[in-house]
């Protein structure tokens, strides 16, 4: 429980947003892996600039708006 609280506080401090808002914004970002005739291809999600800034903030980079 303590670890979850620490992670939530870190997310809020780095992004300046409520944890619920961060989760809602990042939930749609998913990759897809498709295998056709033995060839495996992974498709990354298209990330708009707002979501990229949010991900950068979580990675410890400065959040710019």
PDB file of N, CA and C in Angstrom:
ATOM      1  N   UNK A   1       0.826  -1.185   0.000  1.00  0.00           N
ATOM      2  CA  UNK A   1       0.000   0.000   0.000  1.00  0.00           C
ATOM      3  C   UNK A   1       0.877   1.258   0.000  1.00  0.00           C
ATOM      4  N   UNK A   2       1.928   1.233   0.783  1.00  0.00           N
ATOM      5  CA  UNK A   2       2.814   2.386   0.864  1.00  0.00           C
ATOM      6  C   UNK A   2       3.490   2.659  -0.479  1.00  0.00           C
ATOM      7  N   UNK A   3       3.868   1.597  -1.192  1.00  0.00           N
ATOM      8  CA  UNK A   3       4.509   1.767  -2.491  1.00  0.00           C
ATOM      9  C   UNK A   3       3.548   2.401  -3.488  1.00  0.00           C
ATOM     10  N   UNK A   4       2.297   1.966  -3.498  1.00  0.00           N
ATOM     11  CA  UNK A   4       1.297   2.535  -4.405  1.00  0.00           C
ATOM     12  C   UNK A   4       1.104   4.024  -4.128  1.00  0.00           C
ATOM     13  N   UNK A   5       1.084   4.399  -2.875  1.00  0.00           N
ATOM     14  CA  UNK A   5       0.949   5.808  -2.517  1.00  0.00           C
ATOM     15  C   UNK A   5       2.162   6.603  -2.981  1.00  0.00           C
ATOM     16  N   UNK A   6       3.346   6.040  -2.818  1.00  0.00           N
ATOM     17  CA  UNK A   6       4.574   6.717  -3.251  1.00  0.00           C
ATOM     18  C   UNK A   6       4.595   6.899  -4.764  1.00  0.00           C
ATOM     19  N   UNK A   7       4.174   5.885  -5.507  1.00  0.00           N
ATOM     20  CA  UNK A   7       4.124   5.985  -6.967  1.00  0.00           C
ATOM     21  C   UNK A   7       3.097   7.031  -7.390  1.00  0.00           C
ATOM     22  N   UNK A   8       1.930   7.027  -6.763  1.00  0.00           N
ATOM     23  CA  UNK A   8       0.885   8.001  -7.095  1.00  0.00           C
ATOM     24  C   UNK A   8       1.370   9.422  -6.826  1.00  0.00           C
ATOM     25  N   UNK A   9       2.041   9.642  -5.703  1.00  0.00           N
ATOM     26  CA  UNK A   9       2.560  10.984  -5.381  1.00  0.00           C
ATOM     27  C   UNK A   9       3.632  11.410  -6.378  1.00  0.00           C
ATOM     28  N   UNK A  10       4.476  10.490  -6.783  1.00  0.00           N
ATOM     29  CA  UNK A  10       5.521  10.806  -7.762  1.00  0.00           C
ATOM     30  C   UNK A  10       4.901  11.196  -9.094  1.00  0.00           C
ATOM     31  N   UNK A  11       3.893  10.459  -9.529  1.00  0.00           N
ATOM     32  CA  UNK A  11       3.207  10.781 -10.789  1.00  0.00           C
ATOM     33  C   UNK A  11       2.582  12.172 -10.699  1.00  0.00           C
ATOM     34  N   UNK A  12       1.915  12.461  -9.600  1.00  0.00           N
ATOM     35  CA  UNK A  12       1.278  13.769  -9.431  1.00  0.00           C
ATOM     36  C   UNK A  12       2.308  14.892  -9.372  1.00  0.00           C
ATOM     37  N   UNK A  13       3.415  14.674  -8.690  1.00  0.00           N
ATOM     38  CA  UNK A  13       4.447  15.708  -8.577  1.00  0.00           C
ATOM     39  C   UNK A  13       5.142  15.971  -9.907  1.00  0.00           C
ATOM     40  N   UNK A  14       5.403  14.922 -10.666  1.00  0.00           N
ATOM     41  CA  UNK A  14       6.107  15.092 -11.944  1.00  0.00           C
ATOM     42  C   UNK A  14       5.227  15.712 -13.026  1.00  0.00           C
ATOM     43  N   UNK A  15       3.929  15.403 -13.011  1.00  0.00           N
ATOM     44  CA  UNK A  15       3.052  15.890 -14.070  1.00  0.00           C
ATOM     45  C   UNK A  15       2.255  17.124 -13.680  1.00  0.00           C
ATOM     46  N   UNK A  16       2.019  17.309 -12.405  1.00  0.00           N
ATOM     47  CA  UNK A  16       1.173  18.408 -11.958  1.00  0.00           C
ATOM     48  C   UNK A  16      -0.303  18.120 -12.158  1.00  0.00           C
ATOM     49  N   UNK A  17      -0.640  16.874 -12.458  1.00  0.00           N
ATOM     50  CA  UNK A  17      -2.025  16.472 -12.696  1.00  0.00           C
ATOM     51  C   UNK A  17      -2.438  15.436 -11.666  1.00  0.00           C
ATOM     52  N   UNK A  18      -3.747  15.300 -11.483  1.00  0.00           N
ATOM     53  CA  UNK A  18      -4.268  14.262 -10.600  1.00  0.00           C
ATOM     54  C   UNK A  18      -4.017  12.897 -11.233  1.00  0.00           C
ATOM     55  N   UNK A  19      -3.777  11.900 -10.417  1.00  0.00           N
ATOM     56  CA  UNK A  19      -3.488  10.552 -10.903  1.00  0.00           C
ATOM     57  C   UNK A  19      -4.596  10.038 -11.813  1.00  0.00           C
ATOM     58  N   UNK A  20      -5.837  10.295 -11.449  1.00  0.00           N
ATOM     59  CA  UNK A  20      -6.977   9.845 -12.269  1.00  0.00           C
ATOM     60  C   UNK A  20      -6.918  10.442 -13.674  1.00  0.00           C
ATOM     61  N   UNK A  21      -6.535  11.711 -13.780  1.00  0.00           N
ATOM     62  CA  UNK A  21      -6.425  12.373 -15.072  1.00  0.00           C
ATOM     63  C   UNK A  21      -5.303  11.752 -15.901  1.00  0.00           C
ATOM     64  N   UNK A  22      -4.185  11.459 -15.288  1.00  0.00           N
ATOM     65  CA  UNK A  22      -3.057  10.838 -15.990  1.00  0.00           C
ATOM     66  C   UNK A  22      -3.462   9.473 -16.539  1.00  0.00           C
ATOM     67  N   UNK A  23      -4.133   8.686 -15.721  1.00  0.00           N
ATOM     68  CA  UNK A  23      -4.571   7.360 -16.161  1.00  0.00           C
ATOM     69  C   UNK A  23      -5.545   7.466 -17.324  1.00  0.00           C
ATOM     70  N   UNK A  24      -6.480   8.384 -17.248  1.00  0.00           N
ATOM     71  CA  UNK A  24      -7.457   8.560 -18.339  1.00  0.00           C
ATOM     72  C   UNK A  24      -6.781   8.966 -19.649  1.00  0.00           C
ATOM     73  N   UNK A  25      -5.757   9.804 -19.553  1.00  0.00           N
ATOM     74  CA  UNK A  25      -5.083  10.257 -20.761  1.00  0.00           C
ATOM     75  C   UNK A  25      -4.208   9.173 -21.379  1.00  0.00           C
ATOM     76  N   UNK A  26      -3.589   8.337 -20.558  1.00  0.00           N
ATOM     77  CA  UNK A  26      -2.655   7.340 -21.069  1.00  0.00           C
ATOM     78  C   UNK A  26      -3.294   5.988 -21.379  1.00  0.00           C
ATOM     79  N   UNK A  27      -4.480   5.732 -20.877  1.00  0.00           N
ATOM     80  CA  UNK A  27      -5.129   4.437 -21.095  1.00  0.00           C
ATOM     81  C   UNK A  27      -5.270   4.063 -22.575  1.00  0.00           C
ATOM     82  N   UNK A  28      -5.630   4.971 -23.468  1.00  0.00           N
ATOM     83  CA  UNK A  28      -5.805   4.581 -24.873  1.00  0.00           C
ATOM     84  C   UNK A  28      -4.498   4.252 -25.611  1.00  0.00           C
ATOM     85  N   UNK A  29      -3.351   4.570 -25.038  1.00  0.00           N
ATOM     86  CA  UNK A  29      -2.073   4.327 -25.710  1.00  0.00           C
ATOM     87  C   UNK A  29      -1.662   2.867 -25.537  1.00  0.00           C
ATOM     88  N   UNK A  30      -1.870   2.096 -26.595  1.00  0.00           N
ATOM     89  CA  UNK A  30      -1.523   0.674 -26.569  1.00  0.00           C
ATOM     90  C   UNK A  30      -0.871   0.297 -27.889  1.00  0.00           C
ATOM     91  N   UNK A  31       0.049  -0.630 -27.829  1.00  0.00           N
ATOM     92  CA  UNK A  31       0.662  -1.137 -29.050  1.00  0.00           C
ATOM     93  C   UNK A  31      -0.053  -2.426 -29.447  1.00  0.00           C
ATOM     94  N   UNK A  32       0.153  -2.844 -30.693  1.00  0.00           N
ATOM     95  CA  UNK A  32      -0.449  -4.080 -31.184  1.00  0.00           C
ATOM     96  C   UNK A  32       0.637  -4.921 -31.843  1.00  0.00           C
ATOM     97  N   UNK A  33       0.617  -6.218 -31.569  1.00  0.00           N
ATOM     98  CA  UNK A  33       1.546  -7.146 -32.202  1.00  0.00           C
ATOM     99  C   UNK A  33       0.731  -8.124 -33.029  1.00  0.00           C
ATOM    100  N   UNK A  34       1.091  -8.220 -34.319  1.00  0.00           N
ATOM    101  CA  UNK A  34       0.349  -9.059 -35.254  1.00  0.00           C
ATOM    102  C   UNK A  34       1.321 -10.052 -35.883  1.00  0.00           C
ATOM    103  N   UNK A  35       0.914 -11.308 -35.961  1.00  0.00           N
ATOM    104  CA  UNK A  35       1.713 -12.346 -36.619  1.00  0.00           C
ATOM    105  C   UNK A  35       0.949 -12.849 -37.836  1.00  0.00           C
ATOM    106  N   UNK A  36       1.552 -12.678 -39.017  1.00  0.00           N
ATOM    107  CA  UNK A  36       0.942 -13.140 -40.263  1.00  0.00           C
ATOM    108  C   UNK A  36       1.989 -13.938 -41.026  1.00  0.00           C
ATOM    109  N   UNK A  37       1.671 -15.181 -41.334  1.00  0.00           N
ATOM    110  CA  UNK A  37       2.577 -16.073 -42.073  1.00  0.00           C
ATOM    111  C   UNK A  37       3.974 -16.116 -41.465  1.00  0.00           C
ATOM    112  N   UNK A  38       4.053 -16.171 -40.168  1.00  0.00           N
ATOM    113  CA  UNK A  38       5.336 -16.275 -39.479  1.00  0.00           C
ATOM    114  C   UNK A  38       6.062 -14.961 -39.282  1.00  0.00           C
ATOM    115  N   UNK A  39       5.582 -13.893 -39.879  1.00  0.00           N
ATOM    116  CA  UNK A  39       6.202 -12.571 -39.698  1.00  0.00           C
ATOM    117  C   UNK A  39       5.479 -11.852 -38.561  1.00  0.00           C
ATOM    118  N   UNK A  40       6.259 -11.389 -37.602  1.00  0.00           N
ATOM    119  CA  UNK A  40       5.682 -10.694 -36.451  1.00  0.00           C
ATOM    120  C   UNK A  40       5.962  -9.201 -36.578  1.00  0.00           C
ATOM    121  N   UNK A  41       4.914  -8.404 -36.484  1.00  0.00           N
ATOM    122  CA  UNK A  41       5.033  -6.958 -36.611  1.00  0.00           C
ATOM    123  C   UNK A  41       4.373  -6.299 -35.402  1.00  0.00           C
ATOM    124  N   UNK A  42       5.077  -5.348 -34.791  1.00  0.00           N
ATOM    125  CA  UNK A  42       4.520  -4.593 -33.664  1.00  0.00           C
ATOM    126  C   UNK A  42       4.278  -3.165 -34.110  1.00  0.00           C
ATOM    127  N   UNK A  43       3.091  -2.677 -33.857  1.00  0.00           N
ATOM    128  CA  UNK A  43       2.704  -1.323 -34.211  1.00  0.00           C
ATOM    129  C   UNK A  43       2.577  -0.490 -32.948  1.00  0.00           C
ATOM    130  N   UNK A  44       3.320   0.587 -32.885  1.00  0.00           N
ATOM    131  CA  UNK A  44       3.282   1.496 -31.741  1.00  0.00           C
ATOM    132  C   UNK A  44       2.131   2.483 -31.913  1.00  0.00           C
ATOM    133  N   UNK A  45       1.581   2.988 -30.819  1.00  0.00           N
ATOM    134  CA  UNK A  45       0.479   3.946 -30.933  1.00  0.00           C
ATOM    135  C   UNK A  45       0.976   5.304 -31.427  1.00  0.00           C
ATOM    136  N   UNK A  46       0.099   6.025 -32.098  1.00  0.00           N
ATOM    137  CA  UNK A  46       0.406   7.404 -32.483  1.00  0.00           C
ATOM    138  C   UNK A  46       0.221   8.263 -31.230  1.00  0.00           C
ATOM    139  N   UNK A  47       1.277   8.971 -30.845  1.00  0.00           N
ATOM    140  CA  UNK A  47       1.237   9.758 -29.610  1.00  0.00           C
ATOM    141  C   UNK A  47       1.243  11.241 -29.966  1.00  0.00           C
ATOM    142  N   UNK A  48       0.163  11.938 -29.594  1.00  0.00           N
ATOM    143  CA  UNK A  48       0.073  13.364 -29.880  1.00  0.00           C
ATOM    144  C   UNK A  48       0.993  14.139 -28.921  1.00  0.00           C
ATOM    145  N   UNK A  49       1.289  15.402 -29.234  1.00  0.00           N
ATOM    146  CA  UNK A  49       2.243  16.182 -28.422  1.00  0.00           C
ATOM    147  C   UNK A  49       1.867  16.312 -26.943  1.00  0.00           C
ATOM    148  N   UNK A  50       0.581  16.404 -26.617  1.00  0.00           N
ATOM    149  CA  UNK A  50       0.170  16.515 -25.213  1.00  0.00           C
ATOM    150  C   UNK A  50       0.510  15.240 -24.439  1.00  0.00           C
ATOM    151  N   UNK A  51       0.232  14.086 -25.052  1.00  0.00           N
ATOM    152  CA  UNK A  51       0.537  12.811 -24.388  1.00  0.00           C
ATOM    153  C   UNK A  51       2.053  12.601 -24.312  1.00  0.00           C
ATOM    154  N   UNK A  52       2.790  13.050 -25.342  1.00  0.00           N
ATOM    155  CA  UNK A  52       4.252  12.927 -25.342  1.00  0.00           C
ATOM    156  C   UNK A  52       4.835  13.741 -24.180  1.00  0.00           C
ATOM    157  N   UNK A  53       4.312  14.944 -23.956  1.00  0.00           N
ATOM    158  CA  UNK A  53       4.784  15.779 -22.850  1.00  0.00           C
ATOM    159  C   UNK A  53       4.493  15.102 -21.513  1.00  0.00           C
ATOM    160  N   UNK A  54       3.345  14.455 -21.409  1.00  0.00           N
ATOM    161  CA  UNK A  54       2.984  13.747 -20.185  1.00  0.00           C
ATOM    162  C   UNK A  54       3.931  12.568 -19.944  1.00  0.00           C
ATOM    163  N   UNK A  55       4.219  11.814 -20.992  1.00  0.00           N
ATOM    164  CA  UNK A  55       5.147  10.687 -20.870  1.00  0.00           C
ATOM    165  C   UNK A  55       6.563  11.172 -20.539  1.00  0.00           C
ATOM    166  N   UNK A  56       6.976  12.288 -21.126  1.00  0.00           N
ATOM    167  CA  UNK A  56       8.294  12.852 -20.816  1.00  0.00           C
ATOM    168  C   UNK A  56       8.377  13.265 -19.362  1.00  0.00           C
ATOM    169  N   UNK A  57       7.300  13.846 -18.849  1.00  0.00           N
ATOM    170  CA  UNK A  57       7.277  14.254 -17.442  1.00  0.00           C
ATOM    171  C   UNK A  57       7.391  13.042 -16.523  1.00  0.00           C
ATOM    172  N   UNK A  58       6.724  11.958 -16.888  1.00  0.00           N
ATOM    173  CA  UNK A  58       6.806  10.734 -16.083  1.00  0.00           C
ATOM    174  C   UNK A  58       8.207  10.133 -16.137  1.00  0.00           C
ATOM    175  N   UNK A  59       8.896  10.345 -17.251  1.00  0.00           N
ATOM    176  CA  UNK A  59      10.262   9.822 -17.390  1.00  0.00           C
ATOM    177  C   UNK A  59      11.272  10.707 -16.677  1.00  0.00           C
ATOM    178  N   UNK A  60      10.804  11.822 -16.111  1.00  0.00           N
ATOM    179  CA  UNK A  60      11.701  12.698 -15.363  1.00  0.00           C
ATOM    180  C   UNK A  60      12.154  13.905 -16.146  1.00  0.00           C
ATOM    181  N   UNK A  61      11.668  14.061 -17.373  1.00  0.00           N
ATOM    182  CA  UNK A  61      11.998  15.221 -18.179  1.00  0.00           C
ATOM    183  C   UNK A  61      11.025  16.348 -17.831  1.00  0.00           C
ATOM    184  N   UNK A  62      11.365  17.562 -18.162  1.00  0.00           N
ATOM    185  CA  UNK A  62      10.525  18.720 -17.828  1.00  0.00           C
ATOM    186  C   UNK A  62       9.222  18.674 -18.618  1.00  0.00           C
ATOM    187  N   UNK A  63       8.123  19.017 -17.939  1.00  0.00           N
ATOM    188  CA  UNK A  63       6.814  19.108 -18.582  1.00  0.00           C
ATOM    189  C   UNK A  63       6.663  20.508 -19.139  1.00  0.00           C
ATOM    190  N   UNK A  64       6.424  20.592 -20.460  1.00  0.00           N
ATOM    191  CA  UNK A  64       6.247  21.898 -21.105  1.00  0.00           C
ATOM    192  C   UNK A  64       4.834  22.019 -21.600  1.00  0.00           C
ATOM    193  N   UNK A  65       4.260  23.191 -21.389  1.00  0.00           N
ATOM    194  CA  UNK A  65       2.892  23.441 -21.880  1.00  0.00           C
ATOM    195  C   UNK A  65       2.860  24.752 -22.585  1.00  0.00           C
TER     196      UNK A  65
END
